[in-house]
Amino acid sequence: MKPLRTLFVFEGTSVLRLCATMLHEDKLWLVPYWRDNQEAGYSTPERMVLLETLPHTKSDGKDYDFLLELPVPKAVFDGLPYVQKEVLYVVKEDPGILFPYKAGLPR
């Protein structure tokens, strides 16, 4: 499976950003940050945010695969507590998934 990417903006900004998006347990997850272990030869997500609970559209473009329709609070990607009534953020901390280091993972 080719690496997927999701286009989004952080709440309170207008800067477009890309986020790695991966299939795990038959669901798509946003992976905002990676931990690399060059010596051991792997990368692992710090945390993952479930895409299906967020308003999004699939893209026909070449630069990204999905577009989030609402801004994302930076606190969600940083793993900080955040409550919002309109959107349900499902976050997996340190999921323990290993990928070969520098395997073309979008950052």
C-alpha atoms as a PDB file:
ATOM      1  CA  MET A   1       0.000   0.000   0.000  1.00  0.00           C
ATOM      2  CA  LYS A   2       1.361   3.397  -0.959  1.00  0.00           C
ATOM      3  CA  PRO A   3       1.785   5.960   1.807  1.00  0.00           C
ATOM      4  CA  LEU A   4      -1.327   8.097   2.195  1.00  0.00           C
ATOM      5  CA  ARG A   5      -1.511  11.756   3.178  1.00  0.00           C
ATOM      6  CA  THR A   6      -4.189  13.985   4.646  1.00  0.00           C
ATOM      7  CA  LEU A   7      -4.314  17.755   4.167  1.00  0.00           C
ATOM      8  CA  PHE A   8      -5.427  19.820   7.172  1.00  0.00           C
ATOM      9  CA  VAL A   9      -4.964  23.063   9.105  1.00  0.00           C
ATOM     10  CA  PHE A  10      -4.431  23.515  12.819  1.00  0.00           C
ATOM     11  CA  GLU A  11      -7.152  25.433  14.650  1.00  0.00           C
ATOM     12  CA  GLY A  12      -6.410  29.174  14.664  1.00  0.00           C
ATOM     13  CA  THR A  13      -4.131  29.054  11.602  1.00  0.00           C
ATOM     14  CA  SER A  14      -4.516  29.070   7.849  1.00  0.00           C
ATOM     15  CA  VAL A  15      -1.333  27.166   6.974  1.00  0.00           C
ATOM     16  CA  LEU A  16      -2.013  23.965   5.036  1.00  0.00           C
ATOM     17  CA  ARG A  17      -0.200  20.913   6.364  1.00  0.00           C
ATOM     18  CA  LEU A  18       0.155  17.280   5.366  1.00  0.00           C
ATOM     19  CA  CYS A  19      -0.106  14.372   7.767  1.00  0.00           C
ATOM     20  CA  ALA A  20       0.805  10.724   7.214  1.00  0.00           C
ATOM     21  CA  THR A  21      -2.252   8.491   7.053  1.00  0.00           C
ATOM     22  CA  MET A  22      -2.049   4.735   7.475  1.00  0.00           C
ATOM     23  CA  LEU A  23      -4.273   1.697   7.493  1.00  0.00           C
ATOM     24  CA  HIS A  24      -4.211  -0.152  10.818  1.00  0.00           C
ATOM     25  CA  GLU A  25      -6.726  -2.785  11.929  1.00  0.00           C
ATOM     26  CA  ASP A  26      -8.892  -1.990   8.863  1.00  0.00           C
ATOM     27  CA  LYS A  27      -9.216   1.699   9.786  1.00  0.00           C
ATOM     28  CA  LEU A  28      -7.422   4.809   8.544  1.00  0.00           C
ATOM     29  CA  TRP A  29      -5.378   6.717  11.126  1.00  0.00           C
ATOM     30  CA  LEU A  30      -3.587  10.065  11.013  1.00  0.00           C
ATOM     31  CA  VAL A  31       0.013   9.854  12.211  1.00  0.00           C
ATOM     32  CA  PRO A  32       1.151  13.370  13.107  1.00  0.00           C
ATOM     33  CA  TYR A  33       4.560  12.478  14.584  1.00  0.00           C
ATOM     34  CA  TRP A  34       7.011   9.594  14.264  1.00  0.00           C
ATOM     35  CA  ARG A  35       9.787   8.333  16.508  1.00  0.00           C
ATOM     36  CA  ASP A  36      12.797   7.119  14.546  1.00  0.00           C
ATOM     37  CA  ASN A  37      15.311   4.618  15.858  1.00  0.00           C
ATOM     38  CA  GLN A  38      18.123   4.614  13.318  1.00  0.00           C
ATOM     39  CA  GLU A  39      20.241   2.097  15.240  1.00  0.00           C
ATOM     40  CA  ALA A  40      17.436  -0.468  15.393  1.00  0.00           C
ATOM     41  CA  GLY A  41      16.270   0.460  11.877  1.00  0.00           C
ATOM     42  CA  TYR A  42      12.634   1.316  12.546  1.00  0.00           C
ATOM     43  CA  SER A  43      10.135   4.171  12.907  1.00  0.00           C
ATOM     44  CA  THR A  44       7.003   4.055  15.048  1.00  0.00           C
ATOM     45  CA  PRO A  45       4.035   6.435  15.419  1.00  0.00           C
ATOM     46  CA  GLU A  46       4.030   8.474  18.635  1.00  0.00           C
ATOM     47  CA  ARG A  47       0.244   8.477  18.462  1.00  0.00           C
ATOM     48  CA  MET A  48      -2.502   7.969  15.902  1.00  0.00           C
ATOM     49  CA  VAL A  49      -5.813   9.799  15.431  1.00  0.00           C
ATOM     50  CA  LEU A  50      -8.741   7.927  13.869  1.00  0.00           C
ATOM     51  CA  LEU A  51      -9.758   9.503  10.557  1.00  0.00           C
ATOM     52  CA  GLU A  52     -13.272   8.067  10.235  1.00  0.00           C
ATOM     53  CA  THR A  53     -14.681  10.073  13.163  1.00  0.00           C
ATOM     54  CA  LEU A  54     -13.474  13.358  11.630  1.00  0.00           C
ATOM     55  CA  PRO A  55     -15.348  15.171   8.848  1.00  0.00           C
ATOM     56  CA  HIS A  56     -13.251  14.588   5.734  1.00  0.00           C
ATOM     57  CA  THR A  57     -13.417  14.093   1.987  1.00  0.00           C
ATOM     58  CA  LYS A  58     -11.436  11.849  -0.316  1.00  0.00           C
ATOM     59  CA  SER A  59      -9.266  13.745  -2.774  1.00  0.00           C
ATOM     60  CA  ASP A  60      -8.758  13.110  -6.467  1.00  0.00           C
ATOM     61  CA  GLY A  61      -5.553  15.147  -6.306  1.00  0.00           C
ATOM     62  CA  LYS A  62      -1.982  13.902  -6.539  1.00  0.00           C
ATOM     63  CA  ASP A  63      -0.596  15.742  -3.508  1.00  0.00           C
ATOM     64  CA  TYR A  64      -2.907  14.302  -0.857  1.00  0.00           C
ATOM     65  CA  ASP A  65      -5.515  11.566  -0.419  1.00  0.00           C
ATOM     66  CA  PHE A  66      -7.906  13.098   2.128  1.00  0.00           C
ATOM     67  CA  LEU A  67      -8.903  16.593   3.231  1.00  0.00           C
ATOM     68  CA  LEU A  68     -10.067  17.321   6.782  1.00  0.00           C
ATOM     69  CA  GLU A  69     -13.074  19.615   6.630  1.00  0.00           C
ATOM     70  CA  LEU A  70     -12.536  21.205  10.058  1.00  0.00           C
ATOM     71  CA  PRO A  71      -9.361  22.599  11.652  1.00  0.00           C
ATOM     72  CA  VAL A  72      -7.621  20.267  14.116  1.00  0.00           C
ATOM     73  CA  PRO A  73      -6.702  21.497  17.601  1.00  0.00           C
ATOM     74  CA  LYS A  74      -2.917  21.159  17.957  1.00  0.00           C
ATOM     75  CA  ALA A  75      -3.512  19.680  21.420  1.00  0.00           C
ATOM     76  CA  VAL A  76      -5.009  16.560  19.807  1.00  0.00           C
ATOM     77  CA  PHE A  77      -1.888  15.900  17.710  1.00  0.00           C
ATOM     78  CA  ASP A  78       0.344  16.701  20.681  1.00  0.00           C
ATOM     79  CA  GLY A  79      -1.432  14.152  22.893  1.00  0.00           C
ATOM     80  CA  LEU A  80      -2.874  16.707  25.305  1.00  0.00           C
ATOM     81  CA  PRO A  81      -6.393  16.429  26.754  1.00  0.00           C
ATOM     82  CA  TYR A  82      -8.969  18.068  24.532  1.00  0.00           C
ATOM     83  CA  VAL A  83     -12.772  18.035  24.579  1.00  0.00           C
ATOM     84  CA  GLN A  84     -14.912  19.156  21.671  1.00  0.00           C
ATOM     85  CA  LYS A  85     -18.615  18.412  21.353  1.00  0.00           C
ATOM     86  CA  GLU A  86     -18.834  18.529  17.542  1.00  0.00           C
ATOM     87  CA  VAL A  87     -16.017  16.077  16.767  1.00  0.00           C
ATOM     88  CA  LEU A  88     -14.892  12.865  18.412  1.00  0.00           C
ATOM     89  CA  TYR A  89     -11.118  12.500  18.511  1.00  0.00           C
ATOM     90  CA  VAL A  90     -10.088   8.871  18.983  1.00  0.00           C
ATOM     91  CA  VAL A  91      -6.389   8.775  19.827  1.00  0.00           C
ATOM     92  CA  LYS A  92      -4.092   5.759  20.268  1.00  0.00           C
ATOM     93  CA  GLU A  93      -0.949   6.620  22.195  1.00  0.00           C
ATOM     94  CA  ASP A  94       2.221   4.702  21.355  1.00  0.00           C
ATOM     95  CA  PRO A  95       0.518   1.956  19.318  1.00  0.00           C
ATOM     96  CA  GLY A  96       3.747  -0.062  19.049  1.00  0.00           C
ATOM     97  CA  ILE A  97       3.633  -0.452  15.265  1.00  0.00           C
ATOM     98  CA  LEU A  98       7.093  -0.691  13.693  1.00  0.00           C
ATOM     99  CA  PHE A  99       8.010   0.324  10.157  1.00  0.00           C
ATOM    100  CA  PRO A 100      11.413   0.038   8.504  1.00  0.00           C
ATOM    101  CA  TYR A 101      13.309   3.279   9.057  1.00  0.00           C
ATOM    102  CA  LYS A 102      13.124   5.681   6.070  1.00  0.00           C
ATOM    103  CA  ALA A 103      10.606   3.506   4.284  1.00  0.00           C
ATOM    104  CA  GLY A 104       9.204   6.534   2.487  1.00  0.00           C
ATOM    105  CA  LEU A 105       6.778   7.337   5.269  1.00  0.00           C
ATOM    106  CA  PRO A 106       5.192  10.750   4.772  1.00  0.00           C
ATOM    107  CA  ARG A 107       6.108  13.160   7.526  1.00  0.00           C
END
